[in-house]
């Protein structure tokens, strides 16, 4: 069941728009710096910042898809992908392509 009634390409586009919202306006500089592996910003170690950021994405996916399991999958994938970017294993373009690819996978799983 899709919570807001989106399906097909409409759901994919809304998931992509939600991703943009969560990754850019809702991720301020403090979060961006705090989620870097090994960092400690404002007294909080990086896993807390990363979990908060990935959790924002997970909530968006869970609400839009109406599926908490897909939200959990988004949390895990977003966390891992951003860790890879933080370690310079991938660049920003690859990071974003992987995130959008996940949205396509969630669409297939709905």
C-alpha atoms as a PDB file:
ATOM      1  CA  UNK A   1       0.000   0.000   0.000  1.00  0.00           C
ATOM      2  CA  UNK A   2       1.361   3.396  -0.971  1.00  0.00           C
ATOM      3  CA  UNK A   3       0.471   5.902   1.732  1.00  0.00           C
ATOM      4  CA  UNK A   4      -0.074   9.013  -0.385  1.00  0.00           C
ATOM      5  CA  UNK A   5      -1.500   7.307  -3.471  1.00  0.00           C
ATOM      6  CA  UNK A   6       1.525   7.754  -5.713  1.00  0.00           C
ATOM      7  CA  UNK A   7       2.479   4.880  -7.981  1.00  0.00           C
ATOM      8  CA  UNK A   8       4.747   4.165 -10.925  1.00  0.00           C
ATOM      9  CA  UNK A   9       6.728   7.050 -12.319  1.00  0.00           C
ATOM     10  CA  UNK A  10       4.920   9.509 -10.039  1.00  0.00           C
ATOM     11  CA  UNK A  11       6.143   7.656  -6.958  1.00  0.00           C
ATOM     12  CA  UNK A  12       9.682   7.534  -8.364  1.00  0.00           C
ATOM     13  CA  UNK A  13       9.661  11.286  -9.011  1.00  0.00           C
ATOM     14  CA  UNK A  14       8.278  12.070  -5.558  1.00  0.00           C
ATOM     15  CA  UNK A  15      10.934   9.807  -3.979  1.00  0.00           C
ATOM     16  CA  UNK A  16      13.611  11.679  -5.937  1.00  0.00           C
ATOM     17  CA  UNK A  17      12.206  15.050  -4.869  1.00  0.00           C
ATOM     18  CA  UNK A  18      12.113  13.868  -1.246  1.00  0.00           C
ATOM     19  CA  UNK A  19      15.728  12.764  -1.598  1.00  0.00           C
ATOM     20  CA  UNK A  20      16.724  16.221  -2.830  1.00  0.00           C
ATOM     21  CA  UNK A  21      14.871  17.818   0.062  1.00  0.00           C
ATOM     22  CA  UNK A  22      16.493  15.546   2.669  1.00  0.00           C
ATOM     23  CA  UNK A  23      19.996  15.702   1.176  1.00  0.00           C
ATOM     24  CA  UNK A  24      20.231  19.434   0.603  1.00  0.00           C
ATOM     25  CA  UNK A  25      17.906  21.897   2.436  1.00  0.00           C
ATOM     26  CA  UNK A  26      17.362  19.570   5.432  1.00  0.00           C
ATOM     27  CA  UNK A  27      21.082  18.760   5.750  1.00  0.00           C
ATOM     28  CA  UNK A  28      22.768  21.835   7.174  1.00  0.00           C
ATOM     29  CA  UNK A  29      26.531  22.387   7.470  1.00  0.00           C
ATOM     30  CA  UNK A  30      26.624  21.021  11.022  1.00  0.00           C
ATOM     31  CA  UNK A  31      25.076  17.718   9.912  1.00  0.00           C
ATOM     32  CA  UNK A  32      27.302  17.561   6.824  1.00  0.00           C
ATOM     33  CA  UNK A  33      30.430  18.009   8.959  1.00  0.00           C
ATOM     34  CA  UNK A  34      29.163  15.858  11.820  1.00  0.00           C
ATOM     35  CA  UNK A  35      28.443  12.779   9.699  1.00  0.00           C
ATOM     36  CA  UNK A  36      32.033  12.529   8.435  1.00  0.00           C
ATOM     37  CA  UNK A  37      33.621   9.334   9.740  1.00  0.00           C
ATOM     38  CA  UNK A  38      35.723   9.989  12.822  1.00  0.00           C
ATOM     39  CA  UNK A  39      34.335  13.467  13.444  1.00  0.00           C
ATOM     40  CA  UNK A  40      32.900  14.792  16.665  1.00  0.00           C
ATOM     41  CA  UNK A  41      30.822  17.921  16.194  1.00  0.00           C
ATOM     42  CA  UNK A  42      29.139  19.719  19.082  1.00  0.00           C
ATOM     43  CA  UNK A  43      30.098  16.834  21.372  1.00  0.00           C
ATOM     44  CA  UNK A  44      28.393  14.166  19.263  1.00  0.00           C
ATOM     45  CA  UNK A  45      30.306  11.430  17.452  1.00  0.00           C
ATOM     46  CA  UNK A  46      29.766  10.908  13.725  1.00  0.00           C
ATOM     47  CA  UNK A  47      27.437   7.850  13.972  1.00  0.00           C
ATOM     48  CA  UNK A  48      24.747   9.972  15.637  1.00  0.00           C
ATOM     49  CA  UNK A  49      24.883  12.588  12.881  1.00  0.00           C
ATOM     50  CA  UNK A  50      24.928   9.922  10.170  1.00  0.00           C
ATOM     51  CA  UNK A  51      22.011   8.067  11.767  1.00  0.00           C
ATOM     52  CA  UNK A  52      20.001  11.273  12.009  1.00  0.00           C
ATOM     53  CA  UNK A  53      20.651  12.100   8.372  1.00  0.00           C
ATOM     54  CA  UNK A  54      19.906   8.561   7.151  1.00  0.00           C
ATOM     55  CA  UNK A  55      16.837   8.520   9.405  1.00  0.00           C
ATOM     56  CA  UNK A  56      15.433  11.596   7.672  1.00  0.00           C
ATOM     57  CA  UNK A  57      15.690   9.774   4.351  1.00  0.00           C
ATOM     58  CA  UNK A  58      14.239   6.596   5.863  1.00  0.00           C
ATOM     59  CA  UNK A  59      11.195   8.455   7.161  1.00  0.00           C
ATOM     60  CA  UNK A  60      10.546  10.016   3.755  1.00  0.00           C
ATOM     61  CA  UNK A  61      10.743   6.633   1.991  1.00  0.00           C
ATOM     62  CA  UNK A  62       8.620   4.857   4.617  1.00  0.00           C
ATOM     63  CA  UNK A  63       5.902   7.513   4.444  1.00  0.00           C
ATOM     64  CA  UNK A  64       5.831   7.821   0.666  1.00  0.00           C
ATOM     65  CA  UNK A  65       5.927   4.069   0.037  1.00  0.00           C
ATOM     66  CA  UNK A  66       3.749   3.173   3.029  1.00  0.00           C
ATOM     67  CA  UNK A  67       6.296   0.518   3.995  1.00  0.00           C
ATOM     68  CA  UNK A  68       8.472   0.635   7.107  1.00  0.00           C
ATOM     69  CA  UNK A  69      10.733  -2.132   5.743  1.00  0.00           C
ATOM     70  CA  UNK A  70      11.612   0.008   2.749  1.00  0.00           C
ATOM     71  CA  UNK A  71      12.323   2.833   5.182  1.00  0.00           C
ATOM     72  CA  UNK A  72      14.729   0.531   7.013  1.00  0.00           C
ATOM     73  CA  UNK A  73      16.355  -0.455   3.705  1.00  0.00           C
ATOM     74  CA  UNK A  74      16.727   3.241   2.852  1.00  0.00           C
ATOM     75  CA  UNK A  75      18.310   3.897   6.250  1.00  0.00           C
ATOM     76  CA  UNK A  76      20.889   1.134   5.791  1.00  0.00           C
ATOM     77  CA  UNK A  77      21.707   1.944   2.166  1.00  0.00           C
ATOM     78  CA  UNK A  78      21.933   5.684   2.767  1.00  0.00           C
ATOM     79  CA  UNK A  79      24.189   5.141   5.782  1.00  0.00           C
ATOM     80  CA  UNK A  80      26.556   2.850   3.831  1.00  0.00           C
ATOM     81  CA  UNK A  81      26.644   5.012   0.685  1.00  0.00           C
ATOM     82  CA  UNK A  82      27.393   8.166   2.679  1.00  0.00           C
ATOM     83  CA  UNK A  83      30.115   6.332   4.637  1.00  0.00           C
ATOM     84  CA  UNK A  84      31.715   5.368   1.312  1.00  0.00           C
ATOM     85  CA  UNK A  85      31.571   9.002   0.184  1.00  0.00           C
ATOM     86  CA  UNK A  86      33.024  10.130   3.514  1.00  0.00           C
ATOM     87  CA  UNK A  87      35.986   7.757   3.013  1.00  0.00           C
ATOM     88  CA  UNK A  88      36.482   9.109  -0.541  1.00  0.00           C
ATOM     89  CA  UNK A  89      35.685   5.676  -1.977  1.00  0.00           C
ATOM     90  CA  UNK A  90      33.113   7.346  -4.241  1.00  0.00           C
ATOM     91  CA  UNK A  91      32.546  10.919  -5.382  1.00  0.00           C
ATOM     92  CA  UNK A  92      29.428  13.072  -5.040  1.00  0.00           C
ATOM     93  CA  UNK A  93      28.112  12.093  -8.473  1.00  0.00           C
ATOM     94  CA  UNK A  94      28.378   8.386  -7.731  1.00  0.00           C
ATOM     95  CA  UNK A  95      26.880   8.975  -4.287  1.00  0.00           C
ATOM     96  CA  UNK A  96      23.821  10.659  -5.783  1.00  0.00           C
ATOM     97  CA  UNK A  97      23.477   8.070  -8.568  1.00  0.00           C
ATOM     98  CA  UNK A  98      23.492   5.255  -6.009  1.00  0.00           C
ATOM     99  CA  UNK A  99      20.871   7.026  -3.896  1.00  0.00           C
ATOM    100  CA  UNK A 100      18.609   7.546  -6.917  1.00  0.00           C
ATOM    101  CA  UNK A 101      19.195   3.936  -7.957  1.00  0.00           C
ATOM    102  CA  UNK A 102      17.923   2.869  -4.541  1.00  0.00           C
ATOM    103  CA  UNK A 103      14.748   4.862  -5.156  1.00  0.00           C
ATOM    104  CA  UNK A 104      14.238   2.861  -8.357  1.00  0.00           C
ATOM    105  CA  UNK A 105      14.742  -0.351  -6.407  1.00  0.00           C
ATOM    106  CA  UNK A 106      12.185   0.713  -3.774  1.00  0.00           C
ATOM    107  CA  UNK A 107       9.725   1.463  -6.583  1.00  0.00           C
ATOM    108  CA  UNK A 108      10.167  -2.070  -7.937  1.00  0.00           C
ATOM    109  CA  UNK A 109       9.652  -3.495  -4.458  1.00  0.00           C
ATOM    110  CA  UNK A 110       6.411  -1.569  -3.849  1.00  0.00           C
END
